[in-house]
Amino acid sequence: MDELTTTQAQEAQAENPNLVIFSKPYTFEGKTYTEVDLSAVGDMTAQDMVDAEKFLTRSGIISPIPEMTVEYICFIANRATGLPVEFFKCLHPKDAVKVKNKITSFFYGEG
């Protein structure tokens, strides 16, 4: 990012702390994204978490802490944004970790 873009990203995140700014533009199904808004995570219910656990089980993933798995996070991010699970699975690892950190921070009350 150039200096202007970095400043704009910082301002956008200050206005919306649930905004994840990608490290570089990301193209998915012909559309380019520079950010994703995870604000709707705050509107989710425990049923969404149950559904995410069922999704993991169907995927063959068993974890003692499911909310820490990338697959679970992709499902929750899908529910929060309406973007397909595959959108999140195809993110650059650096950006996937940003999404994961934002969601787990919400779950654990850290942000």
PDB file of N, CA and C in Angstrom:
ATOM      1  N   MET A   1       0.840  -1.186   0.000  1.00  0.00           N
ATOM      2  CA  MET A   1       0.000   0.000   0.000  1.00  0.00           C
ATOM      3  C   MET A   1       0.879   1.242   0.000  1.00  0.00           C
ATOM      4  N   ASP A   2       0.454   2.242  -0.727  1.00  0.00           N
ATOM      5  CA  ASP A   2       1.190   3.491  -0.677  1.00  0.00           C
ATOM      6  C   ASP A   2       0.729   4.286   0.538  1.00  0.00           C
ATOM      7  N   GLU A   3       1.395   5.403   0.818  1.00  0.00           N
ATOM      8  CA  GLU A   3       1.108   6.176   2.027  1.00  0.00           C
ATOM      9  C   GLU A   3      -0.340   6.649   2.090  1.00  0.00           C
ATOM     10  N   LEU A   4      -0.874   7.133   0.980  1.00  0.00           N
ATOM     11  CA  LEU A   4      -2.255   7.603   0.948  1.00  0.00           C
ATOM     12  C   LEU A   4      -3.219   6.463   1.247  1.00  0.00           C
ATOM     13  N   THR A   5      -2.992   5.330   0.638  1.00  0.00           N
ATOM     14  CA  THR A   5      -3.865   4.187   0.859  1.00  0.00           C
ATOM     15  C   THR A   5      -3.783   3.717   2.312  1.00  0.00           C
ATOM     16  N   THR A   6      -2.599   3.713   2.889  1.00  0.00           N
ATOM     17  CA  THR A   6      -2.430   3.315   4.282  1.00  0.00           C
ATOM     18  C   THR A   6      -3.202   4.253   5.199  1.00  0.00           C
ATOM     19  N   THR A   7      -3.122   5.544   4.946  1.00  0.00           N
ATOM     20  CA  THR A   7      -3.850   6.522   5.746  1.00  0.00           C
ATOM     21  C   THR A   7      -5.350   6.317   5.607  1.00  0.00           C
ATOM     22  N   GLN A   8      -5.811   6.096   4.396  1.00  0.00           N
ATOM     23  CA  GLN A   8      -7.233   5.855   4.173  1.00  0.00           C
ATOM     24  C   GLN A   8      -7.689   4.590   4.896  1.00  0.00           C
ATOM     25  N   ALA A   9      -6.868   3.541   4.869  1.00  0.00           N
ATOM     26  CA  ALA A   9      -7.208   2.292   5.550  1.00  0.00           C
ATOM     27  C   ALA A   9      -7.313   2.512   7.054  1.00  0.00           C
ATOM     28  N   GLN A  10      -6.378   3.279   7.607  1.00  0.00           N
ATOM     29  CA  GLN A  10      -6.404   3.555   9.049  1.00  0.00           C
ATOM     30  C   GLN A  10      -7.649   4.341   9.429  1.00  0.00           C
ATOM     31  N   GLU A  11      -8.027   5.299   8.597  1.00  0.00           N
ATOM     32  CA  GLU A  11      -9.233   6.086   8.858  1.00  0.00           C
ATOM     33  C   GLU A  11     -10.483   5.209   8.779  1.00  0.00           C
ATOM     34  N   ALA A  12     -10.527   4.328   7.785  1.00  0.00           N
ATOM     35  CA  ALA A  12     -11.678   3.431   7.630  1.00  0.00           C
ATOM     36  C   ALA A  12     -11.805   2.507   8.829  1.00  0.00           C
ATOM     37  N   GLN A  13     -10.687   1.984   9.312  1.00  0.00           N
ATOM     38  CA  GLN A  13     -10.726   1.088  10.471  1.00  0.00           C
ATOM     39  C   GLN A  13     -11.077   1.840  11.747  1.00  0.00           C
ATOM     40  N   ALA A  14     -10.691   3.102  11.831  1.00  0.00           N
ATOM     41  CA  ALA A  14     -11.064   3.904  12.995  1.00  0.00           C
ATOM     42  C   ALA A  14     -12.572   4.122  13.021  1.00  0.00           C
ATOM     43  N   GLU A  15     -13.173   4.309  11.844  1.00  0.00           N
ATOM     44  CA  GLU A  15     -14.623   4.483  11.748  1.00  0.00           C
ATOM     45  C   GLU A  15     -15.373   3.184  11.992  1.00  0.00           C
ATOM     46  N   ASN A  16     -14.803   2.065  11.548  1.00  0.00           N
ATOM     47  CA  ASN A  16     -15.446   0.765  11.694  1.00  0.00           C
ATOM     48  C   ASN A  16     -14.403  -0.251  12.144  1.00  0.00           C
ATOM     49  N   PRO A  17     -14.300  -0.495  13.441  1.00  0.00           N
ATOM     50  CA  PRO A  17     -13.286  -1.426  13.941  1.00  0.00           C
ATOM     51  C   PRO A  17     -13.504  -2.881  13.495  1.00  0.00           C
ATOM     52  N   ASN A  18     -14.656  -3.179  12.913  1.00  0.00           N
ATOM     53  CA  ASN A  18     -14.927  -4.532  12.416  1.00  0.00           C
ATOM     54  C   ASN A  18     -14.539  -4.706  10.952  1.00  0.00           C
ATOM     55  N   LEU A  19     -13.941  -3.694  10.393  1.00  0.00           N
ATOM     56  CA  LEU A  19     -13.500  -3.738   9.012  1.00  0.00           C
ATOM     57  C   LEU A  19     -12.108  -4.369   8.946  1.00  0.00           C
ATOM     58  N   VAL A  20     -11.965  -5.362   8.082  1.00  0.00           N
ATOM     59  CA  VAL A  20     -10.666  -5.983   7.852  1.00  0.00           C
ATOM     60  C   VAL A  20     -10.179  -5.489   6.493  1.00  0.00           C
ATOM     61  N   ILE A  21      -9.073  -4.776   6.510  1.00  0.00           N
ATOM     62  CA  ILE A  21      -8.468  -4.259   5.280  1.00  0.00           C
ATOM     63  C   ILE A  21      -7.468  -5.298   4.801  1.00  0.00           C
ATOM     64  N   PHE A  22      -7.612  -5.746   3.563  1.00  0.00           N
ATOM     65  CA  PHE A  22      -6.709  -6.752   3.019  1.00  0.00           C
ATOM     66  C   PHE A  22      -5.338  -6.151   2.729  1.00  0.00           C
ATOM     67  N   SER A  23      -4.323  -6.988   2.808  1.00  0.00           N
ATOM     68  CA  SER A  23      -2.942  -6.545   2.584  1.00  0.00           C
ATOM     69  C   SER A  23      -2.702  -6.154   1.131  1.00  0.00           C
ATOM     70  N   LYS A  24      -3.507  -6.702   0.236  1.00  0.00           N
ATOM     71  CA  LYS A  24      -3.457  -6.337  -1.180  1.00  0.00           C
ATOM     72  C   LYS A  24      -4.824  -6.657  -1.772  1.00  0.00           C
ATOM     73  N   PRO A  25      -5.188  -6.021  -2.880  1.00  0.00           N
ATOM     74  CA  PRO A  25      -6.495  -6.305  -3.488  1.00  0.00           C
ATOM     75  C   PRO A  25      -6.649  -7.803  -3.780  1.00  0.00           C
ATOM     76  N   TYR A  26      -7.850  -8.295  -3.571  1.00  0.00           N
ATOM     77  CA  TYR A  26      -8.164  -9.718  -3.685  1.00  0.00           C
ATOM     78  C   TYR A  26      -9.305  -9.872  -4.690  1.00  0.00           C
ATOM     79  N   THR A  27      -9.086 -10.681  -5.701  1.00  0.00           N
ATOM     80  CA  THR A  27     -10.112 -10.910  -6.713  1.00  0.00           C
ATOM     81  C   THR A  27     -10.744 -12.275  -6.498  1.00  0.00           C
ATOM     82  N   PHE A  28     -12.069 -12.271  -6.404  1.00  0.00           N
ATOM     83  CA  PHE A  28     -12.833 -13.500  -6.222  1.00  0.00           C
ATOM     84  C   PHE A  28     -14.021 -13.443  -7.164  1.00  0.00           C
ATOM     85  N   GLU A  29     -14.143 -14.462  -7.992  1.00  0.00           N
ATOM     86  CA  GLU A  29     -15.229 -14.562  -8.970  1.00  0.00           C
ATOM     87  C   GLU A  29     -15.402 -13.274  -9.778  1.00  0.00           C
ATOM     88  N   GLY A  30     -14.272 -12.725 -10.230  1.00  0.00           N
ATOM     89  CA  GLY A  30     -14.295 -11.569 -11.110  1.00  0.00           C
ATOM     90  C   GLY A  30     -14.464 -10.221 -10.438  1.00  0.00           C
ATOM     91  N   LYS A  31     -14.628 -10.185  -9.132  1.00  0.00           N
ATOM     92  CA  LYS A  31     -14.783  -8.922  -8.414  1.00  0.00           C
ATOM     93  C   LYS A  31     -13.578  -8.725  -7.493  1.00  0.00           C
ATOM     94  N   THR A  32     -13.068  -7.507  -7.434  1.00  0.00           N
ATOM     95  CA  THR A  32     -11.910  -7.211  -6.597  1.00  0.00           C
ATOM     96  C   THR A  32     -12.361  -6.585  -5.285  1.00  0.00           C
ATOM     97  N   TYR A  33     -11.802  -7.103  -4.199  1.00  0.00           N
ATOM     98  CA  TYR A  33     -12.115  -6.646  -2.845  1.00  0.00           C
ATOM     99  C   TYR A  33     -10.849  -6.101  -2.191  1.00  0.00           C
ATOM    100  N   THR A  34     -11.004  -5.059  -1.402  1.00  0.00           N
ATOM    101  CA  THR A  34      -9.879  -4.518  -0.634  1.00  0.00           C
ATOM    102  C   THR A  34     -10.126  -4.639   0.863  1.00  0.00           C
ATOM    103  N   GLU A  35     -11.349  -5.056   1.210  1.00  0.00           N
ATOM    104  CA  GLU A  35     -11.732  -5.141   2.617  1.00  0.00           C
ATOM    105  C   GLU A  35     -12.963  -6.023   2.763  1.00  0.00           C
ATOM    106  N   VAL A  36     -13.244  -6.373   4.004  1.00  0.00           N
ATOM    107  CA  VAL A  36     -14.472  -7.096   4.314  1.00  0.00           C
ATOM    108  C   VAL A  36     -14.969  -6.576   5.671  1.00  0.00           C
ATOM    109  N   ASP A  37     -16.267  -6.361   5.768  1.00  0.00           N
ATOM    110  CA  ASP A  37     -16.870  -5.836   6.990  1.00  0.00           C
ATOM    111  C   ASP A  37     -17.474  -6.996   7.787  1.00  0.00           C
ATOM    112  N   LEU A  38     -16.958  -7.207   8.971  1.00  0.00           N
ATOM    113  CA  LEU A  38     -17.419  -8.310   9.825  1.00  0.00           C
ATOM    114  C   LEU A  38     -18.355  -7.828  10.940  1.00  0.00           C
ATOM    115  N   SER A  39     -18.926  -6.657  10.793  1.00  0.00           N
ATOM    116  CA  SER A  39     -19.795  -6.086  11.831  1.00  0.00           C
ATOM    117  C   SER A  39     -20.945  -6.993  12.228  1.00  0.00           C
ATOM    118  N   ALA A  40     -21.478  -7.749  11.278  1.00  0.00           N
ATOM    119  CA  ALA A  40     -22.648  -8.589  11.560  1.00  0.00           C
ATOM    120  C   ALA A  40     -22.331  -9.759  12.490  1.00  0.00           C
ATOM    121  N   VAL A  41     -21.066  -9.989  12.792  1.00  0.00           N
ATOM    122  CA  VAL A  41     -20.734 -11.026  13.783  1.00  0.00           C
ATOM    123  C   VAL A  41     -21.422 -10.693  15.106  1.00  0.00           C
ATOM    124  N   GLY A  42     -21.558  -9.416  15.392  1.00  0.00           N
ATOM    125  CA  GLY A  42     -22.221  -8.988  16.624  1.00  0.00           C
ATOM    126  C   GLY A  42     -23.701  -9.300  16.676  1.00  0.00           C
ATOM    127  N   ASP A  43     -24.297  -9.623  15.542  1.00  0.00           N
ATOM    128  CA  ASP A  43     -25.724  -9.950  15.482  1.00  0.00           C
ATOM    129  C   ASP A  43     -25.977 -11.453  15.465  1.00  0.00           C
ATOM    130  N   MET A  44     -24.910 -12.238  15.498  1.00  0.00           N
ATOM    131  CA  MET A  44     -25.069 -13.691  15.403  1.00  0.00           C
ATOM    132  C   MET A  44     -25.557 -14.264  16.724  1.00  0.00           C
ATOM    133  N   THR A  45     -26.014 -15.508  16.658  1.00  0.00           N
ATOM    134  CA  THR A  45     -26.509 -16.196  17.855  1.00  0.00           C
ATOM    135  C   THR A  45     -25.705 -17.469  18.086  1.00  0.00           C
ATOM    136  N   ALA A  46     -25.970 -18.093  19.206  1.00  0.00           N
ATOM    137  CA  ALA A  46     -25.326 -19.373  19.503  1.00  0.00           C
ATOM    138  C   ALA A  46     -25.690 -20.413  18.440  1.00  0.00           C
ATOM    139  N   GLN A  47     -26.869 -20.279  17.831  1.00  0.00           N
ATOM    140  CA  GLN A  47     -27.259 -21.225  16.772  1.00  0.00           C
ATOM    141  C   GLN A  47     -26.283 -21.157  15.601  1.00  0.00           C
ATOM    142  N   ASP A  48     -25.790 -19.980  15.296  1.00  0.00           N
ATOM    143  CA  ASP A  48     -24.787 -19.860  14.229  1.00  0.00           C
ATOM    144  C   ASP A  48     -23.526 -20.643  14.599  1.00  0.00           C
ATOM    145  N   MET A  49     -23.167 -20.618  15.862  1.00  0.00           N
ATOM    146  CA  MET A  49     -21.999 -21.373  16.322  1.00  0.00           C
ATOM    147  C   MET A  49     -22.254 -22.875  16.240  1.00  0.00           C
ATOM    148  N   VAL A  50     -23.464 -23.285  16.607  1.00  0.00           N
ATOM    149  CA  VAL A  50     -23.840 -24.700  16.491  1.00  0.00           C
ATOM    150  C   VAL A  50     -23.766 -25.136  15.027  1.00  0.00           C
ATOM    151  N   ASP A  51     -24.302 -24.303  14.143  1.00  0.00           N
ATOM    152  CA  ASP A  51     -24.255 -24.616  12.713  1.00  0.00           C
ATOM    153  C   ASP A  51     -22.811 -24.716  12.211  1.00  0.00           C
ATOM    154  N   ALA A  52     -21.950 -23.854  12.726  1.00  0.00           N
ATOM    155  CA  ALA A  52     -20.532 -23.903  12.342  1.00  0.00           C
ATOM    156  C   ALA A  52     -19.899 -25.212  12.810  1.00  0.00           C
ATOM    157  N   GLU A  53     -20.245 -25.656  14.016  1.00  0.00           N
ATOM    158  CA  GLU A  53     -19.719 -26.928  14.516  1.00  0.00           C
ATOM    159  C   GLU A  53     -20.212 -28.097  13.672  1.00  0.00           C
ATOM    160  N   LYS A  54     -21.483 -28.054  13.273  1.00  0.00           N
ATOM    161  CA  LYS A  54     -22.025 -29.102  12.397  1.00  0.00           C
ATOM    162  C   LYS A  54     -21.305 -29.095  11.050  1.00  0.00           C
ATOM    163  N   PHE A  55     -20.997 -27.902  10.546  1.00  0.00           N
ATOM    164  CA  PHE A  55     -20.254 -27.763   9.298  1.00  0.00           C
ATOM    165  C   PHE A  55     -18.877 -28.430   9.434  1.00  0.00           C
ATOM    166  N   LEU A  56     -18.226 -28.211  10.554  1.00  0.00           N
ATOM    167  CA  LEU A  56     -16.921 -28.836  10.791  1.00  0.00           C
ATOM    168  C   LEU A  56     -17.048 -30.356  10.810  1.00  0.00           C
ATOM    169  N   THR A  57     -18.038 -30.851  11.506  1.00  0.00           N
ATOM    170  CA  THR A  57     -18.238 -32.299  11.608  1.00  0.00           C
ATOM    171  C   THR A  57     -18.470 -32.906  10.231  1.00  0.00           C
ATOM    172  N   ARG A  58     -19.321 -32.270   9.436  1.00  0.00           N
ATOM    173  CA  ARG A  58     -19.562 -32.758   8.073  1.00  0.00           C
ATOM    174  C   ARG A  58     -18.300 -32.712   7.221  1.00  0.00           C
ATOM    175  N   SER A  59     -17.407 -31.776   7.529  1.00  0.00           N
ATOM    176  CA  SER A  59     -16.144 -31.648   6.796  1.00  0.00           C
ATOM    177  C   SER A  59     -15.095 -32.636   7.297  1.00  0.00           C
ATOM    178  N   GLY A  60     -15.430 -33.378   8.370  1.00  0.00           N
ATOM    179  CA  GLY A  60     -14.492 -34.345   8.923  1.00  0.00           C
ATOM    180  C   GLY A  60     -13.467 -33.739   9.867  1.00  0.00           C
ATOM    181  N   ILE A  61     -13.733 -32.532  10.324  1.00  0.00           N
ATOM    182  CA  ILE A  61     -12.797 -31.850  11.214  1.00  0.00           C
ATOM    183  C   ILE A  61     -13.303 -31.954  12.643  1.00  0.00           C
ATOM    184  N   ILE A  62     -12.453 -32.463  13.500  1.00  0.00           N
ATOM    185  CA  ILE A  62     -12.774 -32.565  14.922  1.00  0.00           C
ATOM    186  C   ILE A  62     -11.714 -31.771  15.673  1.00  0.00           C
ATOM    187  N   SER A  63     -12.170 -30.832  16.488  1.00  0.00           N
ATOM    188  CA  SER A  63     -11.241 -29.982  17.222  1.00  0.00           C
ATOM    189  C   SER A  63     -11.788 -29.734  18.618  1.00  0.00           C
ATOM    190  N   PRO A  64     -10.920 -29.771  19.638  1.00  0.00           N
ATOM    191  CA  PRO A  64     -11.385 -29.465  20.987  1.00  0.00           C
ATOM    192  C   PRO A  64     -11.746 -27.983  21.154  1.00  0.00           C
ATOM    193  N   ILE A  65     -11.217 -27.144  20.276  1.00  0.00           N
ATOM    194  CA  ILE A  65     -11.534 -25.716  20.294  1.00  0.00           C
ATOM    195  C   ILE A  65     -11.920 -25.316  18.870  1.00  0.00           C
ATOM    196  N   PRO A  66     -13.139 -25.656  18.452  1.00  0.00           N
ATOM    197  CA  PRO A  66     -13.530 -25.448  17.054  1.00  0.00           C
ATOM    198  C   PRO A  66     -13.422 -24.001  16.584  1.00  0.00           C
ATOM    199  N   GLU A  67     -13.700 -23.051  17.478  1.00  0.00           N
ATOM    200  CA  GLU A  67     -13.670 -21.646  17.062  1.00  0.00           C
ATOM    201  C   GLU A  67     -12.268 -21.150  16.716  1.00  0.00           C
ATOM    202  N   MET A  68     -11.273 -21.962  16.952  1.00  0.00           N
ATOM    203  CA  MET A  68      -9.897 -21.594  16.599  1.00  0.00           C
ATOM    204  C   MET A  68      -9.471 -22.182  15.254  1.00  0.00           C
ATOM    205  N   THR A  69     -10.346 -22.967  14.618  1.00  0.00           N
ATOM    206  CA  THR A  69      -9.979 -23.546  13.324  1.00  0.00           C
ATOM    207  C   THR A  69     -10.330 -22.576  12.206  1.00  0.00           C
ATOM    208  N   VAL A  70      -9.532 -22.587  11.174  1.00  0.00           N
ATOM    209  CA  VAL A  70      -9.778 -21.706  10.036  1.00  0.00           C
ATOM    210  C   VAL A  70     -11.098 -22.064   9.359  1.00  0.00           C
ATOM    211  N   GLU A  71     -11.410 -23.344   9.289  1.00  0.00           N
ATOM    212  CA  GLU A  71     -12.668 -23.784   8.656  1.00  0.00           C
ATOM    213  C   GLU A  71     -13.877 -23.184   9.384  1.00  0.00           C
ATOM    214  N   TYR A  72     -13.868 -23.207  10.700  1.00  0.00           N
ATOM    215  CA  TYR A  72     -14.943 -22.632  11.515  1.00  0.00           C
ATOM    216  C   TYR A  72     -15.049 -21.132  11.254  1.00  0.00           C
ATOM    217  N   ILE A  73     -13.906 -20.458  11.252  1.00  0.00           N
ATOM    218  CA  ILE A  73     -13.874 -19.020  11.026  1.00  0.00           C
ATOM    219  C   ILE A  73     -14.426 -18.676   9.643  1.00  0.00           C
ATOM    220  N   CYS A  74     -14.076 -19.472   8.640  1.00  0.00           N
ATOM    221  CA  CYS A  74     -14.603 -19.238   7.294  1.00  0.00           C
ATOM    222  C   CYS A  74     -16.126 -19.336   7.286  1.00  0.00           C
ATOM    223  N   PHE A  75     -16.668 -20.294   8.026  1.00  0.00           N
ATOM    224  CA  PHE A  75     -18.114 -20.465   8.102  1.00  0.00           C
ATOM    225  C   PHE A  75     -18.760 -19.262   8.795  1.00  0.00           C
ATOM    226  N   ILE A  76     -18.196 -18.841   9.925  1.00  0.00           N
ATOM    227  CA  ILE A  76     -18.737 -17.700  10.665  1.00  0.00           C
ATOM    228  C   ILE A  76     -18.645 -16.429   9.814  1.00  0.00           C
ATOM    229  N   ALA A  77     -17.521 -16.236   9.133  1.00  0.00           N
ATOM    230  CA  ALA A  77     -17.355 -15.057   8.269  1.00  0.00           C
ATOM    231  C   ALA A  77     -18.384 -15.075   7.136  1.00  0.00           C
ATOM    232  N   ASN A  78     -18.659 -16.271   6.613  1.00  0.00           N
ATOM    233  CA  ASN A  78     -19.703 -16.422   5.590  1.00  0.00           C
ATOM    234  C   ASN A  78     -21.046 -15.956   6.129  1.00  0.00           C
ATOM    235  N   ARG A  79     -21.386 -16.410   7.315  1.00  0.00           N
ATOM    236  CA  ARG A  79     -22.667 -16.026   7.926  1.00  0.00           C
ATOM    237  C   ARG A  79     -22.730 -14.522   8.179  1.00  0.00           C
ATOM    238  N   ALA A  80     -21.604 -13.938   8.570  1.00  0.00           N
ATOM    239  CA  ALA A  80     -21.583 -12.515   8.906  1.00  0.00           C
ATOM    240  C   ALA A  80     -21.629 -11.608   7.678  1.00  0.00           C
ATOM    241  N   THR A  81     -21.102 -12.088   6.566  1.00  0.00           N
ATOM    242  CA  THR A  81     -20.973 -11.218   5.392  1.00  0.00           C
ATOM    243  C   THR A  81     -21.858 -11.614   4.221  1.00  0.00           C
ATOM    244  N   GLY A  82     -22.284 -12.871   4.186  1.00  0.00           N
ATOM    245  CA  GLY A  82     -23.026 -13.361   3.031  1.00  0.00           C
ATOM    246  C   GLY A  82     -22.121 -13.789   1.886  1.00  0.00           C
ATOM    247  N   LEU A  83     -20.826 -13.593   2.043  1.00  0.00           N
ATOM    248  CA  LEU A  83     -19.871 -14.051   1.028  1.00  0.00           C
ATOM    249  C   LEU A  83     -19.667 -15.549   1.199  1.00  0.00           C
ATOM    250  N   PRO A  84     -19.414 -16.280   0.118  1.00  0.00           N
ATOM    251  CA  PRO A  84     -19.263 -17.736   0.223  1.00  0.00           C
ATOM    252  C   PRO A  84     -18.066 -18.147   1.092  1.00  0.00           C
ATOM    253  N   VAL A  85     -18.184 -19.309   1.698  1.00  0.00           N
ATOM    254  CA  VAL A  85     -17.084 -19.870   2.493  1.00  0.00           C
ATOM    255  C   VAL A  85     -15.808 -19.893   1.657  1.00  0.00           C
ATOM    256  N   GLU A  86     -15.952 -20.222   0.381  1.00  0.00           N
ATOM    257  CA  GLU A  86     -14.801 -20.303  -0.523  1.00  0.00           C
ATOM    258  C   GLU A  86     -14.084 -18.959  -0.666  1.00  0.00           C
ATOM    259  N   PHE A  87     -14.822 -17.870  -0.527  1.00  0.00           N
ATOM    260  CA  PHE A  87     -14.208 -16.545  -0.555  1.00  0.00           C
ATOM    261  C   PHE A  87     -13.119 -16.460   0.501  1.00  0.00           C
ATOM    262  N   PHE A  88     -13.454 -16.911   1.704  1.00  0.00           N
ATOM    263  CA  PHE A  88     -12.519 -16.824   2.824  1.00  0.00           C
ATOM    264  C   PHE A  88     -11.419 -17.876   2.725  1.00  0.00           C
ATOM    265  N   LYS A  89     -11.753 -19.041   2.188  1.00  0.00           N
ATOM    266  CA  LYS A  89     -10.750 -20.094   2.031  1.00  0.00           C
ATOM    267  C   LYS A  89      -9.676 -19.726   1.007  1.00  0.00           C
ATOM    268  N   CYS A  90     -10.005 -18.837   0.088  1.00  0.00           N
ATOM    269  CA  CYS A  90      -9.061 -18.449  -0.967  1.00  0.00           C
ATOM    270  C   CYS A  90      -8.272 -17.184  -0.626  1.00  0.00           C
ATOM    271  N   LEU A  91      -8.512 -16.608   0.543  1.00  0.00           N
ATOM    272  CA  LEU A  91      -7.767 -15.417   0.944  1.00  0.00           C
ATOM    273  C   LEU A  91      -6.287 -15.726   1.091  1.00  0.00           C
ATOM    274  N   HIS A  92      -5.464 -14.710   0.902  1.00  0.00           N
ATOM    275  CA  HIS A  92      -4.030 -14.805   1.199  1.00  0.00           C
ATOM    276  C   HIS A  92      -3.922 -15.141   2.694  1.00  0.00           C
ATOM    277  N   PRO A  93      -2.987 -16.001   3.085  1.00  0.00           N
ATOM    278  CA  PRO A  93      -2.879 -16.380   4.497  1.00  0.00           C
ATOM    279  C   PRO A  93      -2.807 -15.196   5.466  1.00  0.00           C
ATOM    280  N   LYS A  94      -2.109 -14.149   5.093  1.00  0.00           N
ATOM    281  CA  LYS A  94      -2.004 -12.974   5.961  1.00  0.00           C
ATOM    282  C   LYS A  94      -3.386 -12.371   6.220  1.00  0.00           C
ATOM    283  N   ASP A  95      -4.216 -12.308   5.181  1.00  0.00           N
ATOM    284  CA  ASP A  95      -5.550 -11.747   5.319  1.00  0.00           C
ATOM    285  C   ASP A  95      -6.503 -12.714   6.025  1.00  0.00           C
ATOM    286  N   ALA A  96      -6.321 -14.007   5.793  1.00  0.00           N
ATOM    287  CA  ALA A  96      -7.131 -15.006   6.497  1.00  0.00           C
ATOM    288  C   ALA A  96      -6.883 -14.915   8.004  1.00  0.00           C
ATOM    289  N   VAL A  97      -5.642 -14.681   8.387  1.00  0.00           N
ATOM    290  CA  VAL A  97      -5.314 -14.532   9.815  1.00  0.00           C
ATOM    291  C   VAL A  97      -5.943 -13.258  10.370  1.00  0.00           C
ATOM    292  N   LYS A  98      -5.979 -12.193   9.581  1.00  0.00           N
ATOM    293  CA  LYS A  98      -6.644 -10.961  10.034  1.00  0.00           C
ATOM    294  C   LYS A  98      -8.120 -11.223  10.320  1.00  0.00           C
ATOM    295  N   VAL A  99      -8.779 -11.950   9.423  1.00  0.00           N
ATOM    296  CA  VAL A  99     -10.191 -12.292   9.606  1.00  0.00           C
ATOM    297  C   VAL A  99     -10.339 -13.170  10.852  1.00  0.00           C
ATOM    298  N   LYS A 100      -9.496 -14.168  10.965  1.00  0.00           N
ATOM    299  CA  LYS A 100      -9.541 -15.083  12.120  1.00  0.00           C
ATOM    300  C   LYS A 100      -9.343 -14.317  13.425  1.00  0.00           C
ATOM    301  N   ASN A 101      -8.367 -13.432  13.463  1.00  0.00           N
ATOM    302  CA  ASN A 101      -8.102 -12.659  14.680  1.00  0.00           C
ATOM    303  C   ASN A 101      -9.269 -11.758  15.043  1.00  0.00           C
ATOM    304  N   LYS A 102      -9.886 -11.147  14.045  1.00  0.00           N
ATOM    305  CA  LYS A 102     -11.017 -10.252  14.312  1.00  0.00           C
ATOM    306  C   LYS A 102     -12.187 -11.043  14.910  1.00  0.00           C
ATOM    307  N   ILE A 103     -12.474 -12.209  14.342  1.00  0.00           N
ATOM    308  CA  ILE A 103     -13.608 -13.006  14.825  1.00  0.00           C
ATOM    309  C   ILE A 103     -13.309 -13.623  16.187  1.00  0.00           C
ATOM    310  N   THR A 104     -12.134 -14.192  16.374  1.00  0.00           N
ATOM    311  CA  THR A 104     -11.825 -14.779  17.678  1.00  0.00           C
ATOM    312  C   THR A 104     -11.735 -13.704  18.758  1.00  0.00           C
ATOM    313  N   SER A 105     -11.252 -12.515  18.416  1.00  0.00           N
ATOM    314  CA  SER A 105     -11.238 -11.421  19.379  1.00  0.00           C
ATOM    315  C   SER A 105     -12.652 -11.067  19.806  1.00  0.00           C
ATOM    316  N   PHE A 106     -13.589 -11.098  18.856  1.00  0.00           N
ATOM    317  CA  PHE A 106     -14.984 -10.835  19.202  1.00  0.00           C
ATOM    318  C   PHE A 106     -15.495 -11.914  20.148  1.00  0.00           C
ATOM    319  N   PHE A 107     -15.239 -13.188  19.822  1.00  0.00           N
ATOM    320  CA  PHE A 107     -15.716 -14.291  20.666  1.00  0.00           C
ATOM    321  C   PHE A 107     -15.173 -14.204  22.084  1.00  0.00           C
ATOM    322  N   TYR A 108     -13.927 -13.845  22.199  1.00  0.00           N
ATOM    323  CA  TYR A 108     -13.283 -13.831  23.509  1.00  0.00           C
ATOM    324  C   TYR A 108     -13.310 -12.459  24.185  1.00  0.00           C
ATOM    325  N   GLY A 109     -14.066 -11.523  23.611  1.00  0.00           N
ATOM    326  CA  GLY A 109     -14.255 -10.230  24.235  1.00  0.00           C
ATOM    327  C   GLY A 109     -13.030  -9.341  24.265  1.00  0.00           C
ATOM    328  N   GLU A 110     -12.148  -9.526  23.286  1.00  0.00           N
ATOM    329  CA  GLU A 110     -10.915  -8.753  23.269  1.00  0.00           C
ATOM    330  C   GLU A 110     -10.983  -7.546  22.345  1.00  0.00           C
ATOM    331  N   GLY A 111     -12.111  -7.293  21.766  1.00  0.00           N
ATOM    332  CA  GLY A 111     -12.147  -6.157  20.854  1.00  0.00           C
ATOM    333  C   GLY A 111     -13.524  -5.854  20.374  1.00  0.00           C
TER     334      GLY A 111
END
